[in-house]
PDB file of N, CA and C in Angstrom:
ATOM      1  N   MET A   1      19.569  -8.558 -49.122  1.00  0.00           N
ATOM      2  CA  MET A   1      19.403  -7.537 -49.092  1.00  0.00           C
ATOM      3  C   MET A   1      19.115  -7.297 -47.313  1.00  0.00           C
ATOM      4  N   THR A   2      19.958  -6.227 -46.757  1.00  0.00           N
ATOM      5  CA  THR A   2      19.665  -6.223 -45.669  1.00  0.00           C
ATOM      6  C   THR A   2      18.392  -4.795 -45.285  1.00  0.00           C
ATOM      7  N   ALA A   3      17.782  -4.906 -44.109  1.00  0.00           N
ATOM      8  CA  ALA A   3      16.827  -4.042 -43.864  1.00  0.00           C
ATOM      9  C   ALA A   3      17.820  -2.637 -43.326  1.00  0.00           C
ATOM     10  N   PRO A   4      16.806  -1.418 -43.759  1.00  0.00           N
ATOM     11  CA  PRO A   4      17.614  -0.280 -43.294  1.00  0.00           C
ATOM     12  C   PRO A   4      18.121   0.099 -42.018  1.00  0.00           C
ATOM     13  N   ASP A   5      17.593  -0.579 -41.365  1.00  0.00           N
ATOM     14  CA  ASP A   5      17.829  -0.759 -39.780  1.00  0.00           C
ATOM     15  C   ASP A   5      18.580  -1.613 -39.163  1.00  0.00           C
ATOM     16  N   ALA A   6      18.899  -2.406 -40.145  1.00  0.00           N
ATOM     17  CA  ALA A   6      19.785  -3.682 -39.476  1.00  0.00           C
ATOM     18  C   ALA A   6      20.801  -3.265 -39.137  1.00  0.00           C
ATOM     19  N   PRO A   7      21.714  -3.361 -37.681  1.00  0.00           N
ATOM     20  CA  PRO A   7      22.970  -3.597 -37.469  1.00  0.00           C
ATOM     21  C   PRO A   7      24.135  -4.039 -38.166  1.00  0.00           C
ATOM     22  N   SER A   8      25.270  -3.533 -38.504  1.00  0.00           N
ATOM     23  CA  SER A   8      26.278  -3.729 -39.027  1.00  0.00           C
ATOM     24  C   SER A   8      27.310  -3.988 -38.409  1.00  0.00           C
ATOM     25  N   MET A   9      28.185  -5.118 -39.006  1.00  0.00           N
ATOM     26  CA  MET A   9      29.450  -5.061 -37.970  1.00  0.00           C
ATOM     27  C   MET A   9      30.586  -3.859 -38.820  1.00  0.00           C
ATOM     28  N   THR A  10      31.319  -3.541 -38.223  1.00  0.00           N
ATOM     29  CA  THR A  10      32.392  -2.291 -38.887  1.00  0.00           C
ATOM     30  C   THR A  10      33.700  -3.412 -38.388  1.00  0.00           C
ATOM     31  N   ARG A  11      34.659  -2.537 -38.915  1.00  0.00           N
ATOM     32  CA  ARG A  11      36.179  -2.910 -38.781  1.00  0.00           C
ATOM     33  C   ARG A  11      36.505  -3.145 -37.372  1.00  0.00           C
ATOM     34  N   SER A  12      36.268  -2.073 -36.783  1.00  0.00           N
ATOM     35  CA  SER A  12      36.745  -1.825 -35.579  1.00  0.00           C
ATOM     36  C   SER A  12      35.629  -3.235 -34.560  1.00  0.00           C
ATOM     37  N   ASP A  13      34.499  -2.852 -34.764  1.00  0.00           N
ATOM     38  CA  ASP A  13      33.636  -4.215 -34.253  1.00  0.00           C
ATOM     39  C   ASP A  13      34.589  -5.841 -34.230  1.00  0.00           C
ATOM     40  N   LEU A  14      34.607  -6.102 -35.624  1.00  0.00           N
ATOM     41  CA  LEU A  14      35.493  -7.007 -36.030  1.00  0.00           C
ATOM     42  C   LEU A  14      37.248  -7.201 -35.092  1.00  0.00           C
ATOM     43  N   VAL A  15      37.684  -6.222 -35.172  1.00  0.00           N
ATOM     44  CA  VAL A  15      39.019  -5.875 -34.111  1.00  0.00           C
ATOM     45  C   VAL A  15      38.430  -6.514 -32.579  1.00  0.00           C
ATOM     46  N   GLU A  16      37.330  -5.935 -32.168  1.00  0.00           N
ATOM     47  CA  GLU A  16      37.124  -5.798 -30.566  1.00  0.00           C
ATOM     48  C   GLU A  16      36.391  -7.358 -30.442  1.00  0.00           C
ATOM     49  N   GLU A  17      35.930  -8.014 -31.435  1.00  0.00           N
ATOM     50  CA  GLU A  17      35.497  -9.692 -31.409  1.00  0.00           C
ATOM     51  C   GLU A  17      36.728 -10.497 -31.246  1.00  0.00           C
ATOM     52  N   LEU A  18      37.823 -10.065 -32.015  1.00  0.00           N
ATOM     53  CA  LEU A  18      39.376 -11.003 -32.187  1.00  0.00           C
ATOM     54  C   LEU A  18      39.870 -10.974 -31.138  1.00  0.00           C
ATOM     55  N   ALA A  19      39.780  -9.464 -30.416  1.00  0.00           N
ATOM     56  CA  ALA A  19      40.706  -9.459 -29.049  1.00  0.00           C
ATOM     57  C   ALA A  19      40.040 -10.251 -28.177  1.00  0.00           C
ATOM     58  N   ALA A  20      38.669  -9.976 -28.348  1.00  0.00           N
ATOM     59  CA  ALA A  20      37.777 -10.342 -26.699  1.00  0.00           C
ATOM     60  C   ALA A  20      37.898 -11.963 -27.108  1.00  0.00           C
ATOM     61  N   ARG A  21      37.816 -12.651 -28.382  1.00  0.00           N
ATOM     62  CA  ARG A  21      37.829 -14.527 -28.051  1.00  0.00           C
ATOM     63  C   ARG A  21      39.468 -15.193 -27.947  1.00  0.00           C
ATOM     64  N   PHE A  22      40.382 -14.232 -28.162  1.00  0.00           N
ATOM     65  CA  PHE A  22      41.516 -14.621 -28.103  1.00  0.00           C
ATOM     66  C   PHE A  22      42.202 -13.617 -27.145  1.00  0.00           C
ATOM     67  N   SER A  23      42.212 -13.900 -25.494  1.00  0.00           N
ATOM     68  CA  SER A  23      42.876 -13.079 -24.480  1.00  0.00           C
ATOM     69  C   SER A  23      44.096 -12.783 -24.640  1.00  0.00           C
ATOM     70  N   GLN A  24      45.234 -13.781 -25.482  1.00  0.00           N
ATOM     71  CA  GLN A  24      46.721 -13.589 -25.276  1.00  0.00           C
ATOM     72  C   GLN A  24      46.773 -12.331 -26.527  1.00  0.00           C
ATOM     73  N   LEU A  25      45.959 -11.877 -27.423  1.00  0.00           N
ATOM     74  CA  LEU A  25      46.126 -10.903 -28.538  1.00  0.00           C
ATOM     75  C   LEU A  25      45.836  -9.135 -27.805  1.00  0.00           C
ATOM     76  N   THR A  26      46.523  -8.644 -28.032  1.00  0.00           N
ATOM     77  CA  THR A  26      46.143  -6.896 -27.438  1.00  0.00           C
ATOM     78  C   THR A  26      45.343  -6.402 -28.558  1.00  0.00           C
ATOM     79  N   HIS A  27      44.786  -5.330 -28.193  1.00  0.00           N
ATOM     80  CA  HIS A  27      43.952  -4.834 -28.766  1.00  0.00           C
ATOM     81  C   HIS A  27      44.729  -4.438 -30.115  1.00  0.00           C
ATOM     82  N   ARG A  28      45.674  -4.020 -29.991  1.00  0.00           N
ATOM     83  CA  ARG A  28      46.810  -3.405 -31.023  1.00  0.00           C
ATOM     84  C   ARG A  28      47.102  -4.650 -32.226  1.00  0.00           C
ATOM     85  N   ASP A  29      47.416  -5.870 -31.317  1.00  0.00           N
ATOM     86  CA  ASP A  29      47.827  -6.927 -32.137  1.00  0.00           C
ATOM     87  C   ASP A  29      46.915  -7.195 -33.372  1.00  0.00           C
ATOM     88  N   ALA A  30      45.456  -7.537 -32.646  1.00  0.00           N
ATOM     89  CA  ALA A  30      44.098  -7.651 -33.248  1.00  0.00           C
ATOM     90  C   ALA A  30      43.674  -6.894 -34.488  1.00  0.00           C
ATOM     91  N   GLU A  31      43.940  -5.489 -34.348  1.00  0.00           N
ATOM     92  CA  GLU A  31      43.759  -4.398 -35.249  1.00  0.00           C
ATOM     93  C   GLU A  31      45.149  -4.641 -36.345  1.00  0.00           C
ATOM     94  N   PHE A  32      46.391  -5.266 -35.935  1.00  0.00           N
ATOM     95  CA  PHE A  32      47.219  -5.533 -36.708  1.00  0.00           C
ATOM     96  C   PHE A  32      47.091  -6.377 -37.448  1.00  0.00           C
ATOM     97  N   ALA A  33      46.341  -7.532 -37.028  1.00  0.00           N
ATOM     98  CA  ALA A  33      45.691  -9.070 -37.978  1.00  0.00           C
ATOM     99  C   ALA A  33      44.970  -8.521 -38.699  1.00  0.00           C
ATOM    100  N   VAL A  34      43.255  -8.057 -38.495  1.00  0.00           N
ATOM    101  CA  VAL A  34      42.318  -7.527 -39.009  1.00  0.00           C
ATOM    102  C   VAL A  34      43.103  -6.731 -40.304  1.00  0.00           C
ATOM    103  N   LYS A  35      43.813  -5.930 -40.350  1.00  0.00           N
ATOM    104  CA  LYS A  35      44.291  -5.252 -41.214  1.00  0.00           C
ATOM    105  C   LYS A  35      44.625  -5.915 -42.325  1.00  0.00           C
ATOM    106  N   THR A  36      46.142  -6.646 -41.720  1.00  0.00           N
ATOM    107  CA  THR A  36      46.901  -7.096 -42.540  1.00  0.00           C
ATOM    108  C   THR A  36      46.034  -8.332 -43.559  1.00  0.00           C
ATOM    109  N   ILE A  37      45.072  -8.793 -42.785  1.00  0.00           N
ATOM    110  CA  ILE A  37      44.247  -9.896 -43.592  1.00  0.00           C
ATOM    111  C   ILE A  37      43.712  -9.112 -45.000  1.00  0.00           C
ATOM    112  N   LEU A  38      42.669  -7.871 -44.589  1.00  0.00           N
ATOM    113  CA  LEU A  38      41.945  -6.771 -45.130  1.00  0.00           C
ATOM    114  C   LEU A  38      42.982  -6.418 -46.399  1.00  0.00           C
ATOM    115  N   ASP A  39      44.086  -6.016 -46.196  1.00  0.00           N
ATOM    116  CA  ASP A  39      45.211  -5.247 -47.187  1.00  0.00           C
ATOM    117  C   ASP A  39      45.626  -6.746 -48.218  1.00  0.00           C
ATOM    118  N   ALA A  40      45.917  -7.446 -47.466  1.00  0.00           N
ATOM    119  CA  ALA A  40      46.566  -9.010 -48.420  1.00  0.00           C
ATOM    120  C   ALA A  40      45.178  -9.518 -49.419  1.00  0.00           C
ATOM    121  N   MET A  41      44.114  -9.007 -48.931  1.00  0.00           N
ATOM    122  CA  MET A  41      43.073  -9.838 -49.705  1.00  0.00           C
ATOM    123  C   MET A  41      42.459  -8.478 -50.710  1.00  0.00           C
ATOM    124  N   SER A  42      42.777  -7.477 -50.692  1.00  0.00           N
ATOM    125  CA  SER A  42      42.514  -6.160 -51.303  1.00  0.00           C
ATOM    126  C   SER A  42      43.468  -6.180 -52.605  1.00  0.00           C
ATOM    127  N   GLU A  43      44.757  -6.658 -52.050  1.00  0.00           N
ATOM    128  CA  GLU A  43      45.810  -6.402 -53.079  1.00  0.00           C
ATOM    129  C   GLU A  43      45.612  -8.074 -54.180  1.00  0.00           C
ATOM    130  N   ALA A  44      45.533  -9.083 -53.467  1.00  0.00           N
ATOM    131  CA  ALA A  44      44.921 -10.202 -54.400  1.00  0.00           C
ATOM    132  C   ALA A  44      43.873  -9.585 -55.434  1.00  0.00           C
ATOM    133  N   LEU A  45      42.673  -8.861 -55.162  1.00  0.00           N
ATOM    134  CA  LEU A  45      42.094  -8.678 -55.800  1.00  0.00           C
ATOM    135  C   LEU A  45      42.095  -7.929 -56.932  1.00  0.00           C
ATOM    136  N   VAL A  46      43.290  -6.885 -56.599  1.00  0.00           N
ATOM    137  CA  VAL A  46      43.578  -5.894 -57.429  1.00  0.00           C
ATOM    138  C   VAL A  46      44.724  -6.634 -58.617  1.00  0.00           C
ATOM    139  N   ARG A  47      45.008  -7.338 -58.161  1.00  0.00           N
ATOM    140  CA  ARG A  47      46.250  -8.209 -59.113  1.00  0.00           C
ATOM    141  C   ARG A  47      45.663  -9.217 -59.823  1.00  0.00           C
ATOM    142  N   GLY A  48      44.041  -9.134 -59.719  1.00  0.00           N
ATOM    143  CA  GLY A  48      42.874 -10.412 -60.512  1.00  0.00           C
ATOM    144  C   GLY A  48      43.018 -11.389 -60.214  1.00  0.00           C
ATOM    145  N   HIS A  49      43.498 -11.943 -58.673  1.00  0.00           N
ATOM    146  CA  HIS A  49      43.293 -12.826 -58.457  1.00  0.00           C
ATOM    147  C   HIS A  49      41.752 -13.316 -57.783  1.00  0.00           C
ATOM    148  N   ARG A  50      41.668 -14.796 -57.252  1.00  0.00           N
ATOM    149  CA  ARG A  50      40.348 -15.327 -56.686  1.00  0.00           C
ATOM    150  C   ARG A  50      40.587 -15.435 -55.535  1.00  0.00           C
ATOM    151  N   ILE A  51      39.863 -15.239 -54.575  1.00  0.00           N
ATOM    152  CA  ILE A  51      40.365 -15.688 -53.087  1.00  0.00           C
ATOM    153  C   ILE A  51      39.401 -16.830 -52.856  1.00  0.00           C
ATOM    154  N   GLU A  52      39.065 -17.746 -52.364  1.00  0.00           N
ATOM    155  CA  GLU A  52      38.513 -18.792 -51.791  1.00  0.00           C
ATOM    156  C   GLU A  52      38.576 -19.073 -50.426  1.00  0.00           C
ATOM    157  N   ILE A  53      37.849 -19.194 -49.527  1.00  0.00           N
ATOM    158  CA  ILE A  53      37.884 -19.396 -48.067  1.00  0.00           C
ATOM    159  C   ILE A  53      36.620 -20.598 -47.883  1.00  0.00           C
ATOM    160  N   ARG A  54      37.486 -21.643 -47.915  1.00  0.00           N
ATOM    161  CA  ARG A  54      36.348 -23.085 -47.732  1.00  0.00           C
ATOM    162  C   ARG A  54      35.492 -22.672 -46.519  1.00  0.00           C
ATOM    163  N   GLY A  55      33.829 -23.158 -46.918  1.00  0.00           N
ATOM    164  CA  GLY A  55      32.991 -22.645 -45.642  1.00  0.00           C
ATOM    165  C   GLY A  55      32.777 -21.652 -45.294  1.00  0.00           C
ATOM    166  N   PHE A  56      33.452 -20.330 -45.828  1.00  0.00           N
ATOM    167  CA  PHE A  56      33.365 -19.128 -46.267  1.00  0.00           C
ATOM    168  C   PHE A  56      32.527 -18.528 -47.324  1.00  0.00           C
ATOM    169  N   GLY A  57      33.132 -18.584 -48.176  1.00  0.00           N
ATOM    170  CA  GLY A  57      32.732 -18.030 -49.486  1.00  0.00           C
ATOM    171  C   GLY A  57      33.769 -17.714 -50.656  1.00  0.00           C
ATOM    172  N   SER A  58      33.572 -17.027 -51.497  1.00  0.00           N
ATOM    173  CA  SER A  58      35.040 -16.687 -52.661  1.00  0.00           C
ATOM    174  C   SER A  58      34.615 -15.203 -52.944  1.00  0.00           C
ATOM    175  N   PHE A  59      35.559 -14.463 -53.240  1.00  0.00           N
ATOM    176  CA  PHE A  59      35.887 -13.468 -53.918  1.00  0.00           C
ATOM    177  C   PHE A  59      36.349 -13.276 -55.252  1.00  0.00           C
ATOM    178  N   SER A  60      36.153 -12.820 -55.843  1.00  0.00           N
ATOM    179  CA  SER A  60      36.117 -12.615 -57.390  1.00  0.00           C
ATOM    180  C   SER A  60      36.262 -11.184 -57.798  1.00  0.00           C
ATOM    181  N   ILE A  61      36.464 -10.881 -59.159  1.00  0.00           N
ATOM    182  CA  ILE A  61      36.396  -9.649 -59.738  1.00  0.00           C
ATOM    183  C   ILE A  61      35.546  -9.885 -61.154  1.00  0.00           C
ATOM    184  N   ASN A  62      34.697  -9.357 -61.179  1.00  0.00           N
ATOM    185  CA  ASN A  62      33.434  -8.781 -61.932  1.00  0.00           C
ATOM    186  C   ASN A  62      34.072  -7.958 -63.183  1.00  0.00           C
ATOM    187  N   ARG A  63      33.935  -8.185 -64.447  1.00  0.00           N
ATOM    188  CA  ARG A  63      34.170  -6.851 -65.468  1.00  0.00           C
ATOM    189  C   ARG A  63      32.759  -6.101 -65.542  1.00  0.00           C
ATOM    190  N   ARG A  64      32.496  -4.963 -65.868  1.00  0.00           N
ATOM    191  CA  ARG A  64      31.163  -4.659 -66.150  1.00  0.00           C
ATOM    192  C   ARG A  64      31.759  -3.617 -67.716  1.00  0.00           C
ATOM    193  N   PRO A  65      31.381  -4.071 -68.336  1.00  0.00           N
ATOM    194  CA  PRO A  65      31.671  -3.638 -69.730  1.00  0.00           C
ATOM    195  C   PRO A  65      31.184  -2.174 -70.260  1.00  0.00           C
ATOM    196  N   PRO A  66      32.012  -1.435 -71.357  1.00  0.00           N
ATOM    197  CA  PRO A  66      32.013  -0.111 -71.005  1.00  0.00           C
ATOM    198  C   PRO A  66      30.364   0.208 -72.120  1.00  0.00           C
ATOM    199  N   ARG A  67      29.710   1.504 -71.027  1.00  0.00           N
ATOM    200  CA  ARG A  67      28.498   1.463 -71.604  1.00  0.00           C
ATOM    201  C   ARG A  67      27.868   3.175 -71.834  1.00  0.00           C
ATOM    202  N   MET A  68      26.734   3.275 -72.674  1.00  0.00           N
ATOM    203  CA  MET A  68      26.630   4.614 -72.621  1.00  0.00           C
ATOM    204  C   MET A  68      25.334   4.810 -71.695  1.00  0.00           C
ATOM    205  N   GLY A  69      25.277   5.761 -70.909  1.00  0.00           N
ATOM    206  CA  GLY A  69      24.536   6.260 -69.985  1.00  0.00           C
ATOM    207  C   GLY A  69      23.782   7.182 -70.204  1.00  0.00           C
ATOM    208  N   ARG A  70      22.708   8.009 -69.361  1.00  0.00           N
ATOM    209  CA  ARG A  70      22.363   9.210 -69.485  1.00  0.00           C
ATOM    210  C   ARG A  70      22.333   9.745 -68.436  1.00  0.00           C
ATOM    211  N   ASN A  71      22.484  11.282 -68.550  1.00  0.00           N
ATOM    212  CA  ASN A  71      22.609  12.169 -67.270  1.00  0.00           C
ATOM    213  C   ASN A  71      21.363  12.466 -66.771  1.00  0.00           C
ATOM    214  N   PRO A  72      20.921  12.234 -65.812  1.00  0.00           N
ATOM    215  CA  PRO A  72      19.394  12.416 -64.974  1.00  0.00           C
ATOM    216  C   PRO A  72      18.853  13.752 -65.448  1.00  0.00           C
ATOM    217  N   ARG A  73      19.689  14.461 -65.105  1.00  0.00           N
ATOM    218  CA  ARG A  73      19.661  15.941 -65.225  1.00  0.00           C
ATOM    219  C   ARG A  73      19.388  16.898 -66.287  1.00  0.00           C
ATOM    220  N   SER A  74      20.345  16.270 -67.195  1.00  0.00           N
ATOM    221  CA  SER A  74      20.229  17.249 -68.473  1.00  0.00           C
ATOM    222  C   SER A  74      19.574  15.961 -69.906  1.00  0.00           C
ATOM    223  N   GLY A  75      19.465  14.638 -69.542  1.00  0.00           N
ATOM    224  CA  GLY A  75      19.274  13.865 -70.784  1.00  0.00           C
ATOM    225  C   GLY A  75      20.487  13.516 -71.501  1.00  0.00           C
ATOM    226  N   GLU A  76      21.651  14.474 -71.502  1.00  0.00           N
ATOM    227  CA  GLU A  76      22.809  13.879 -71.966  1.00  0.00           C
ATOM    228  C   GLU A  76      23.112  12.770 -72.226  1.00  0.00           C
ATOM    229  N   SER A  77      23.555  12.017 -73.275  1.00  0.00           N
ATOM    230  CA  SER A  77      24.190  10.647 -73.137  1.00  0.00           C
ATOM    231  C   SER A  77      25.660  10.901 -73.043  1.00  0.00           C
ATOM    232  N   VAL A  78      26.307  10.047 -71.968  1.00  0.00           N
ATOM    233  CA  VAL A  78      27.523   9.691 -71.277  1.00  0.00           C
ATOM    234  C   VAL A  78      28.021   8.613 -71.237  1.00  0.00           C
ATOM    235  N   HIS A  79      29.299   8.476 -71.926  1.00  0.00           N
ATOM    236  CA  HIS A  79      30.280   7.104 -71.765  1.00  0.00           C
ATOM    237  C   HIS A  79      30.225   6.946 -70.481  1.00  0.00           C
ATOM    238  N   ILE A  80      30.404   5.607 -69.845  1.00  0.00           N
ATOM    239  CA  ILE A  80      30.855   5.480 -68.750  1.00  0.00           C
ATOM    240  C   ILE A  80      31.573   4.211 -69.121  1.00  0.00           C
ATOM    241  N   PRO A  81      32.654   4.204 -68.711  1.00  0.00           N
ATOM    242  CA  PRO A  81      33.934   3.277 -68.867  1.00  0.00           C
ATOM    243  C   PRO A  81      33.921   2.052 -67.987  1.00  0.00           C
ATOM    244  N   GLU A  82      35.068   1.189 -68.786  1.00  0.00           N
ATOM    245  CA  GLU A  82      34.493  -0.404 -68.308  1.00  0.00           C
ATOM    246  C   GLU A  82      35.103  -0.386 -66.390  1.00  0.00           C
ATOM    247  N   LYS A  83      34.709  -0.886 -65.709  1.00  0.00           N
ATOM    248  CA  LYS A  83      34.770  -1.476 -64.296  1.00  0.00           C
ATOM    249  C   LYS A  83      34.977  -2.259 -64.018  1.00  0.00           C
ATOM    250  N   ARG A  84      35.889  -2.434 -63.319  1.00  0.00           N
ATOM    251  CA  ARG A  84      36.160  -4.050 -62.559  1.00  0.00           C
ATOM    252  C   ARG A  84      35.745  -3.593 -60.993  1.00  0.00           C
ATOM    253  N   VAL A  85      34.832  -4.891 -60.612  1.00  0.00           N
ATOM    254  CA  VAL A  85      33.894  -4.965 -59.078  1.00  0.00           C
ATOM    255  C   VAL A  85      34.324  -6.211 -58.516  1.00  0.00           C
ATOM    256  N   PRO A  86      34.593  -6.017 -57.397  1.00  0.00           N
ATOM    257  CA  PRO A  86      34.737  -7.075 -56.250  1.00  0.00           C
ATOM    258  C   PRO A  86      33.417  -7.818 -56.249  1.00  0.00           C
ATOM    259  N   HIS A  87      33.311  -9.044 -56.272  1.00  0.00           N
ATOM    260  CA  HIS A  87      32.170  -9.875 -56.093  1.00  0.00           C
ATOM    261  C   HIS A  87      32.050 -10.985 -55.158  1.00  0.00           C
ATOM    262  N   PHE A  88      31.208 -11.070 -54.110  1.00  0.00           N
ATOM    263  CA  PHE A  88      31.637 -12.027 -53.285  1.00  0.00           C
ATOM    264  C   PHE A  88      30.205 -13.293 -53.423  1.00  0.00           C
ATOM    265  N   LYS A  89      31.026 -14.342 -53.409  1.00  0.00           N
ATOM    266  CA  LYS A  89      29.743 -15.587 -53.332  1.00  0.00           C
ATOM    267  C   LYS A  89      29.958 -16.380 -52.127  1.00  0.00           C
ATOM    268  N   PRO A  90      28.740 -16.528 -51.346  1.00  0.00           N
ATOM    269  CA  PRO A  90      28.587 -17.346 -49.957  1.00  0.00           C
ATOM    270  C   PRO A  90      29.450 -18.484 -50.474  1.00  0.00           C
ATOM    271  N   GLY A  91      29.837 -19.474 -49.869  1.00  0.00           N
ATOM    272  CA  GLY A  91      29.646 -20.828 -49.384  1.00  0.00           C
ATOM    273  C   GLY A  91      28.600 -21.409 -48.991  1.00  0.00           C
ATOM    274  N   LYS A  92      28.621 -22.696 -49.539  1.00  0.00           N
ATOM    275  CA  LYS A  92      27.160 -23.370 -49.157  1.00  0.00           C
ATOM    276  C   LYS A  92      27.216 -23.927 -47.270  1.00  0.00           C
ATOM    277  N   ALA A  93      28.182 -23.994 -46.623  1.00  0.00           N
ATOM    278  CA  ALA A  93      28.485 -23.725 -45.214  1.00  0.00           C
ATOM    279  C   ALA A  93      28.032 -22.542 -44.722  1.00  0.00           C
ATOM    280  N   LEU A  94      28.456 -21.507 -45.012  1.00  0.00           N
ATOM    281  CA  LEU A  94      27.918 -20.248 -44.724  1.00  0.00           C
ATOM    282  C   LEU A  94      26.329 -19.935 -44.688  1.00  0.00           C
ATOM    283  N   ARG A  95      26.019 -20.240 -45.962  1.00  0.00           N
ATOM    284  CA  ARG A  95      24.497 -19.875 -46.340  1.00  0.00           C
ATOM    285  C   ARG A  95      24.110 -20.705 -45.688  1.00  0.00           C
ATOM    286  N   GLU A  96      24.051 -21.758 -45.153  1.00  0.00           N
ATOM    287  CA  GLU A  96      23.463 -22.733 -44.249  1.00  0.00           C
ATOM    288  C   GLU A  96      23.548 -22.355 -43.148  1.00  0.00           C
ATOM    289  N   ALA A  97      24.735 -22.082 -42.633  1.00  0.00           N
ATOM    290  CA  ALA A  97      24.465 -21.419 -41.141  1.00  0.00           C
ATOM    291  C   ALA A  97      24.090 -20.120 -40.928  1.00  0.00           C
ATOM    292  N   VAL A  98      23.831 -19.391 -41.673  1.00  0.00           N
ATOM    293  CA  VAL A  98      23.160 -18.033 -41.736  1.00  0.00           C
ATOM    294  C   VAL A  98      21.534 -18.649 -41.703  1.00  0.00           C
ATOM    295  N   ASP A  99      21.014 -19.199 -42.415  1.00  0.00           N
ATOM    296  CA  ASP A  99      19.794 -19.444 -42.850  1.00  0.00           C
ATOM    297  C   ASP A  99      19.147 -20.133 -41.506  1.00  0.00           C
ATOM    298  N   LYS A 100      20.278 -21.092 -41.131  1.00  0.00           N
ATOM    299  CA  LYS A 100      19.707 -22.157 -39.679  1.00  0.00           C
ATOM    300  C   LYS A 100      19.620 -21.021 -38.453  1.00  0.00           C
ATOM    301  N   ARG A 101      20.642 -20.371 -38.551  1.00  0.00           N
ATOM    302  CA  ARG A 101      20.430 -19.081 -37.121  1.00  0.00           C
ATOM    303  C   ARG A 101      19.418 -18.447 -37.247  1.00  0.00           C
ATOM    304  N   THR A 102      19.223 -17.755 -38.391  1.00  0.00           N
ATOM    305  CA  THR A 102      18.089 -16.798 -38.466  1.00  0.00           C
ATOM    306  C   THR A 102      16.614 -17.310 -38.361  1.00  0.00           C
ATOM    307  N   ALA A 103      16.346 -18.618 -38.532  1.00  0.00           N
ATOM    308  CA  ALA A 103      15.536 -19.350 -38.566  1.00  0.00           C
ATOM    309  C   ALA A 103      15.252 -19.573 -36.948  1.00  0.00           C
ATOM    310  N   GLU A 104      16.195 -19.783 -36.393  1.00  0.00           N
ATOM    311  CA  GLU A 104      16.217 -19.903 -34.510  1.00  0.00           C
ATOM    312  C   GLU A 104      16.020 -18.504 -34.057  1.00  0.00           C
ATOM    313  N   LEU A 105      16.628 -17.499 -34.631  1.00  0.00           N
ATOM    314  CA  LEU A 105      16.367 -16.326 -34.060  1.00  0.00           C
ATOM    315  C   LEU A 105      15.033 -16.038 -33.911  1.00  0.00           C
ATOM    316  N   ARG A 106      14.223 -16.253 -35.334  1.00  0.00           N
ATOM    317  CA  ARG A 106      12.919 -16.079 -35.429  1.00  0.00           C
ATOM    318  C   ARG A 106      11.913 -16.348 -34.310  1.00  0.00           C
ATOM    319  N   GLY A 107      12.474 -17.675 -34.299  1.00  0.00           N
ATOM    320  CA  GLY A 107      11.245 -18.302 -33.297  1.00  0.00           C
ATOM    321  C   GLY A 107      11.409 -19.841 -33.654  1.00  0.00           C
TER     322      GLY A 107
END
C-alpha cells in the first residue's frame, strides 16, 4: 500500500525517463516504445496469457467468481457477475531492490 501523498510515476514520466536515459531516442520514439510494450502486455493478458519478466515480476489474470452483493443504499441483493482481473506478483529481485533502496532512503 502506498501513502495517499506518495508520488506516483505516470506513463508520461516513464516516457520522459526513457528519452532521458537513451539520448538517441526522440521523445516521440520513447512514447511509441512505451505504448507498444504496454499494448502488447495488455493484449497478452486479454488472451489469457501470463507475462513473466525475470527480475521484475509476473502479470497474470485472476478470476473472481460471480457472487451476490448488496446495494448499500437500498439494501437490495444484487448479482455481481464473474470478473477477470489483472494481478501482479513482484519477483524476488524487485522485492529485494525495493526493500534495500527504501532502507537506504530512510537512513
